[in-house]
Amino acid sequence: MYPEDLVAPMRTELTSTGFEELKTTEDVSSLMDKENDSVFVLINSVCGCAAGNARPAAIFSVKQSEKKPGKVVTVFAGVDKEATEKMREYCLPYPPSSPSMALFRKGELVHFIERHHIEGNSPQAIADNLLAAFNEYL
């Protein structure tokens, strides 16, 4: 677990732009077990590729897309461990990966970006991938 004073700016970067934090297994289950039209999830982390690539790409894509997910949420790997583990259950068959991003449509996982698709790619390339997924599935 990372100290809260270390991760607070990383949380705020997302919540200040409209992402809802899911900090408990109940938060995750409550959202994911409802009938949602669409949910976009960023599994956040403290690594450099989250800071330099994943968070900027996720924020940009949500702000710029004409087709927006109904819910935009985040769980924080290494911080909110149980919530992250619960969210990862919904992301199966993909193995645990952080950072990562998932798009759900009517409860079905329709698009997933693993860490190895984030590392080494520019925020714009990742955002383009997300925008294409939003256009296809939303």
Protein backbone atom coordinates (compact mmCIF):
# COMPACT_ATOMS: atom_id res chain seq x y z
CA MET A 1 0.00 0.00 0.00
CA TYR A 2 1.22 3.46 -0.87
CA PRO A 3 0.86 6.40 1.53
CA GLU A 4 -2.18 8.56 0.84
CA ASP A 5 -0.14 11.78 0.62
CA LEU A 6 1.81 10.20 -2.26
CA VAL A 7 -1.25 9.07 -4.23
CA ALA A 8 -3.58 12.00 -3.51
CA PRO A 9 -2.42 14.02 -6.55
CA MET A 10 -2.82 10.93 -8.75
CA ARG A 11 -6.37 10.48 -7.47
CA THR A 12 -7.19 14.16 -7.92
CA GLU A 13 -5.91 14.20 -11.48
CA LEU A 14 -8.79 11.87 -12.35
CA THR A 15 -11.52 12.95 -9.94
CA SER A 16 -11.10 16.61 -10.85
CA THR A 17 -11.93 15.69 -14.44
CA GLY A 18 -15.07 13.68 -13.65
CA PHE A 19 -13.86 10.18 -12.81
CA GLU A 20 -15.63 8.58 -9.85
CA GLU A 21 -13.40 6.64 -7.47
CA LEU A 22 -14.42 3.16 -6.42
CA LYS A 23 -12.57 2.40 -3.19
CA THR A 24 -14.33 -0.72 -1.87
CA THR A 25 -15.58 -4.01 -3.23
CA GLU A 26 -19.08 -2.77 -2.46
CA ASP A 27 -18.51 0.34 -4.58
CA VAL A 28 -17.42 -1.85 -7.49
CA SER A 29 -20.21 -4.40 -7.14
CA SER A 30 -22.85 -1.73 -6.68
CA LEU A 31 -21.87 -0.09 -9.96
CA MET A 32 -21.05 -3.13 -12.06
CA ASP A 33 -24.06 -5.21 -11.02
CA LYS A 34 -26.51 -2.46 -12.03
CA GLU A 35 -27.91 -2.11 -15.51
CA ASN A 36 -25.54 0.49 -16.89
CA ASP A 37 -25.57 1.45 -20.51
CA SER A 38 -21.79 1.91 -20.52
CA VAL A 39 -18.91 2.12 -18.05
CA PHE A 40 -15.32 3.15 -18.73
CA VAL A 41 -12.80 2.04 -16.07
CA LEU A 42 -9.23 3.16 -15.56
CA ILE A 43 -7.28 0.85 -13.28
CA ASN A 44 -4.84 3.46 -12.00
CA SER A 45 -1.35 2.93 -10.62
CA VAL A 46 1.63 4.90 -9.37
CA CYS A 47 3.95 3.84 -12.20
CA GLY A 48 5.35 6.24 -14.73
CA CYS A 49 3.29 4.88 -17.62
CA ALA A 50 0.12 5.69 -15.64
CA ALA A 51 1.28 9.25 -15.06
CA GLY A 52 2.73 9.92 -18.48
CA ASN A 53 0.44 7.88 -20.70
CA ALA A 54 -2.66 6.26 -19.16
CA ARG A 55 -4.19 9.09 -17.14
CA PRO A 56 -3.63 11.78 -19.80
CA ALA A 57 -5.05 9.47 -22.52
CA ALA A 58 -8.10 8.55 -20.46
CA ILE A 59 -8.84 12.15 -19.53
CA PHE A 60 -8.38 13.38 -23.09
CA SER A 61 -10.55 10.67 -24.62
CA VAL A 62 -13.41 11.20 -22.18
CA LYS A 63 -13.31 14.97 -22.68
CA GLN A 64 -12.96 14.89 -26.47
CA SER A 65 -15.24 12.05 -27.47
CA GLU A 66 -18.61 12.88 -28.95
CA LYS A 67 -19.84 9.51 -27.67
CA LYS A 68 -19.24 9.42 -23.93
CA PRO A 69 -19.52 6.49 -21.54
CA GLY A 70 -22.44 6.73 -19.12
CA LYS A 71 -20.11 6.19 -16.16
CA VAL A 72 -16.41 7.00 -15.91
CA VAL A 73 -14.72 5.38 -12.92
CA THR A 74 -11.35 4.44 -11.51
CA VAL A 75 -9.87 2.00 -9.03
CA PHE A 76 -6.33 2.39 -7.72
CA ALA A 77 -4.07 -0.66 -7.84
CA GLY A 78 -1.66 -0.83 -4.91
CA VAL A 79 -3.89 1.48 -2.88
CA ASP A 80 -7.48 0.25 -2.91
CA LYS A 81 -6.49 -3.40 -3.19
CA GLU A 82 -9.86 -5.09 -2.63
CA ALA A 83 -11.71 -2.74 -5.00
CA THR A 84 -9.08 -3.34 -7.66
CA GLU A 85 -9.26 -7.11 -7.24
CA LYS A 86 -13.05 -6.98 -7.53
CA MET A 87 -12.88 -4.86 -10.70
CA ARG A 88 -10.36 -7.26 -12.19
CA GLU A 89 -12.94 -10.04 -11.82
CA TYR A 90 -15.15 -8.13 -14.27
CA CYS A 91 -12.18 -7.76 -16.65
CA LEU A 92 -11.61 -11.49 -17.07
CA PRO A 93 -10.26 -13.22 -19.11
CA TYR A 94 -7.56 -10.53 -19.13
CA PRO A 95 -4.87 -11.03 -16.48
CA PRO A 96 -4.27 -8.39 -13.81
CA SER A 97 -2.61 -5.38 -15.36
CA SER A 98 -2.08 -1.88 -14.06
CA PRO A 99 -2.53 0.55 -15.42
CA SER A 100 -5.21 -0.76 -17.71
CA MET A 101 -8.51 0.42 -19.15
CA ALA A 102 -11.81 -1.34 -19.73
CA LEU A 103 -14.98 -0.41 -21.56
CA PHE A 104 -18.21 -2.18 -20.66
CA ARG A 105 -21.41 -1.99 -22.67
CA LYS A 106 -24.59 -3.30 -21.00
CA GLY A 107 -22.48 -5.29 -18.54
CA GLU A 108 -20.26 -6.88 -21.19
CA LEU A 109 -16.54 -6.18 -21.48
CA VAL A 110 -16.17 -4.91 -25.04
CA HIS A 111 -12.70 -3.32 -25.08
CA PHE A 112 -9.61 -3.69 -22.89
CA ILE A 113 -6.22 -1.99 -22.97
CA GLU A 114 -3.50 -3.81 -21.04
CA ARG A 115 -0.37 -2.29 -19.57
CA HIS A 116 1.77 -3.57 -22.45
CA HIS A 117 -0.44 -1.51 -24.80
CA ILE A 118 0.15 1.57 -22.62
CA GLU A 119 3.91 1.30 -22.04
CA GLY A 120 5.85 2.82 -24.89
CA ASN A 121 2.80 4.34 -26.59
CA SER A 122 2.04 8.03 -26.59
CA PRO A 123 -0.98 9.39 -24.74
CA GLN A 124 -2.38 10.40 -28.15
CA ALA A 125 -2.05 6.87 -29.57
CA ILE A 126 -3.82 5.45 -26.50
CA ALA A 127 -6.50 8.14 -26.69
CA ASP A 128 -7.03 7.37 -30.38
CA ASN A 129 -7.53 3.70 -29.43
CA LEU A 130 -10.10 4.71 -26.80
CA LEU A 131 -11.89 7.14 -29.10
CA ALA A 132 -12.24 4.40 -31.72
CA ALA A 133 -13.67 2.06 -29.07
CA PHE A 134 -16.11 4.73 -27.86
CA ASN A 135 -17.24 5.31 -31.45
CA GLU A 136 -17.69 1.61 -32.08
CA TYR A 137 -19.42 0.59 -28.86
CA LEU A 138 -21.26 3.64 -27.52
